[in-house]
Amino acid sequence: MNNFQDNLIESEAGVERVVKGSKRVAVLGIKTEEQAGQAAYYVPEYLAKVGVEVVPVPVYYPDVTHILGKPVFRRLVDIPGELDLVDVFRRPQDIDQHVDDIIAKKPKAVWFQSGIRNDAAAEKLAKAGIQVVQDRCLMVDHRRYSILG
């Protein structure tokens, strides 16, 4: 049995591996085009523009059926196929309600965006065999490692 702490990614090499391995990313808490000035919209928009397959999973906006031209899913478990990464735009205290859904979907990794840290949720995900990056901006790291690699 692996030590679950190996799944709590804090090294640059680990972050780079997660970024480079993420070709299909569900964005939990994605905002709509109406909120284009917010990171929860422009980060996934950037990812889509550079060739990452973005799967929108908004928490609000019940009437929205498409974001970034892609069909919206309400739960991660409803997304067909494998996910490399779940990029999380939720307040730390709001993450707990999504942990079971994330574990049920079994993505390779979960990314809590800048300013988002929930150690208890990260530990649960890590113990379920999912890699976790906390408090980093996926767009910043993606740009960094795309240029390097």
Protein backbone atom coordinates (compact mmCIF):
# COMPACT_ATOMS: atom_id res chain seq x y z
CA MET A 1 0.00 0.00 0.00
CA ASN A 2 1.42 3.36 -0.97
CA ASN A 3 1.82 6.00 1.65
CA PHE A 4 -1.08 8.36 0.94
CA GLN A 5 1.26 11.31 1.51
CA ASP A 6 2.96 10.41 -1.77
CA ASN A 7 -0.28 11.59 -3.42
CA LEU A 8 -0.08 15.04 -1.81
CA ILE A 9 1.92 16.74 -4.55
CA GLU A 10 4.11 19.60 -3.37
CA SER A 11 7.32 19.25 -5.38
CA GLU A 12 7.81 21.13 -8.64
CA ALA A 13 8.56 17.82 -10.40
CA GLY A 14 5.28 16.41 -9.14
CA VAL A 15 3.33 19.49 -10.21
CA GLU A 16 4.96 19.36 -13.65
CA ARG A 17 4.00 15.67 -14.00
CA VAL A 18 0.37 16.42 -13.11
CA VAL A 19 0.23 19.37 -15.54
CA LYS A 20 1.79 17.45 -18.42
CA GLY A 21 -0.43 14.42 -17.79
CA SER A 22 -3.65 16.42 -17.85
CA LYS A 23 -5.22 16.19 -21.31
CA ARG A 24 -8.83 15.87 -20.11
CA VAL A 25 -9.81 18.18 -17.27
CA ALA A 26 -13.16 18.55 -15.53
CA VAL A 27 -13.57 22.03 -14.07
CA LEU A 28 -15.65 21.88 -10.91
CA GLY A 29 -17.18 25.26 -10.14
CA ILE A 30 -16.59 26.65 -13.64
CA LYS A 31 -18.24 30.00 -14.30
CA THR A 32 -20.07 30.97 -17.48
CA GLU A 33 -19.15 33.39 -20.26
CA GLU A 34 -21.09 36.02 -18.27
CA GLN A 35 -18.32 35.88 -15.63
CA ALA A 36 -15.45 35.97 -18.16
CA GLY A 37 -13.37 38.21 -15.87
CA GLN A 38 -13.19 35.56 -13.15
CA ALA A 39 -10.49 32.90 -12.90
CA ALA A 40 -13.14 30.14 -12.81
CA TYR A 41 -13.90 31.10 -16.41
CA TYR A 42 -10.67 32.38 -17.94
CA VAL A 43 -8.46 29.55 -16.61
CA PRO A 44 -10.57 26.81 -18.29
CA GLU A 45 -10.91 29.05 -21.35
CA TYR A 46 -7.10 29.22 -21.55
CA LEU A 47 -6.82 25.43 -21.15
CA ALA A 48 -9.34 24.87 -23.95
CA LYS A 49 -7.44 27.26 -26.24
CA VAL A 50 -4.16 25.36 -25.74
CA GLY A 51 -5.74 22.01 -26.59
CA VAL A 52 -6.82 20.58 -23.24
CA GLU A 53 -10.24 18.90 -23.33
CA VAL A 54 -12.27 20.84 -20.75
CA VAL A 55 -15.39 19.28 -19.23
CA PRO A 56 -17.55 21.93 -17.51
CA VAL A 57 -19.07 21.04 -14.12
CA PRO A 58 -20.73 24.23 -12.86
CA VAL A 59 -22.16 24.33 -9.35
CA TYR A 60 -24.58 27.16 -10.01
CA TYR A 61 -26.32 28.26 -13.25
CA PRO A 62 -28.95 25.48 -13.41
CA ASP A 63 -30.21 26.71 -16.81
CA VAL A 64 -26.83 26.63 -18.53
CA THR A 65 -26.36 23.63 -20.83
CA HIS A 66 -23.04 24.56 -22.47
CA ILE A 67 -19.92 26.45 -21.38
CA LEU A 68 -16.99 26.99 -23.76
CA GLY A 69 -19.13 25.20 -26.35
CA LYS A 70 -19.06 21.97 -24.32
CA PRO A 71 -22.01 20.20 -22.70
CA VAL A 72 -22.29 20.78 -18.95
CA PHE A 73 -22.35 17.97 -16.37
CA ARG A 74 -23.79 18.41 -12.90
CA ARG A 75 -21.78 15.66 -11.21
CA LEU A 76 -18.37 14.24 -11.98
CA VAL A 77 -19.70 10.67 -11.91
CA ASP A 78 -22.00 11.53 -14.83
CA ILE A 79 -19.07 12.35 -17.13
CA PRO A 80 -18.39 9.49 -19.54
CA GLY A 81 -14.81 8.24 -19.85
CA GLU A 82 -11.64 8.84 -17.86
CA LEU A 83 -10.54 12.14 -16.35
CA ASP A 84 -6.91 13.11 -15.91
CA LEU A 85 -7.68 15.98 -13.59
CA VAL A 86 -10.46 17.74 -11.69
CA ASP A 87 -9.66 21.45 -11.41
CA VAL A 88 -11.56 22.80 -8.38
CA PHE A 89 -12.88 26.36 -8.13
CA ARG A 90 -14.73 26.11 -4.81
CA ARG A 91 -14.19 27.78 -1.45
CA PRO A 92 -12.24 25.46 0.89
CA GLN A 93 -15.30 24.87 3.10
CA ASP A 94 -17.38 23.93 0.03
CA ILE A 95 -15.03 21.19 -1.16
CA ASP A 96 -16.17 18.57 1.36
CA GLN A 97 -19.56 18.16 -0.34
CA HIS A 98 -17.76 17.14 -3.56
CA VAL A 99 -15.24 14.65 -2.13
CA ASP A 100 -17.44 11.55 -2.53
CA ASP A 101 -18.29 12.51 -6.13
CA ILE A 102 -14.58 13.03 -6.91
CA ILE A 103 -13.59 9.71 -5.32
CA ALA A 104 -16.40 7.90 -7.19
CA LYS A 105 -15.11 9.33 -10.49
CA LYS A 106 -11.48 8.39 -9.71
CA PRO A 107 -9.58 11.07 -11.68
CA LYS A 108 -5.80 10.68 -11.69
CA ALA A 109 -5.44 14.01 -9.89
CA VAL A 110 -7.31 16.90 -8.29
CA TRP A 111 -6.16 20.51 -8.38
CA PHE A 112 -7.29 23.11 -5.83
CA GLN A 113 -6.77 26.53 -7.42
CA SER A 114 -4.78 29.41 -5.91
CA GLY A 115 -5.92 30.31 -2.43
CA ILE A 116 -7.78 27.01 -1.99
CA ARG A 117 -6.50 24.59 0.63
CA ASN A 118 -8.50 21.90 2.43
CA ASP A 119 -6.10 19.47 4.05
CA ALA A 120 -8.82 17.11 5.31
CA ALA A 121 -10.35 16.77 1.83
CA ALA A 122 -6.88 16.45 0.26
CA GLU A 123 -6.03 13.63 2.68
CA LYS A 124 -9.28 11.77 1.89
CA LEU A 125 -8.60 12.06 -1.85
CA ALA A 126 -4.97 11.01 -1.42
CA LYS A 127 -6.02 7.97 0.62
CA ALA A 128 -8.34 7.04 -2.27
CA GLY A 129 -5.29 6.95 -4.57
CA ILE A 130 -5.84 10.37 -6.19
CA GLN A 131 -3.01 12.87 -6.48
CA VAL A 132 -3.76 16.31 -5.03
CA VAL A 133 -2.21 19.71 -5.75
CA GLN A 134 -3.37 22.54 -3.48
CA ASP A 135 -3.25 26.32 -3.69
CA ARG A 136 -1.75 26.72 -7.17
CA CYS A 137 -2.97 28.21 -10.41
CA LEU A 138 -3.27 25.61 -13.14
CA MET A 139 -2.98 28.26 -15.86
CA VAL A 140 0.27 29.65 -14.43
CA ASP A 141 1.79 26.19 -14.02
CA HIS A 142 0.52 25.03 -17.42
CA ARG A 143 2.17 28.03 -19.09
CA ARG A 144 5.38 27.44 -17.16
CA TYR A 145 5.68 23.76 -18.09
CA SER A 146 4.45 24.18 -21.66
CA ILE A 147 7.24 26.67 -22.29
CA LEU A 148 9.82 24.44 -20.62
CA GLY A 149 8.64 21.25 -22.23
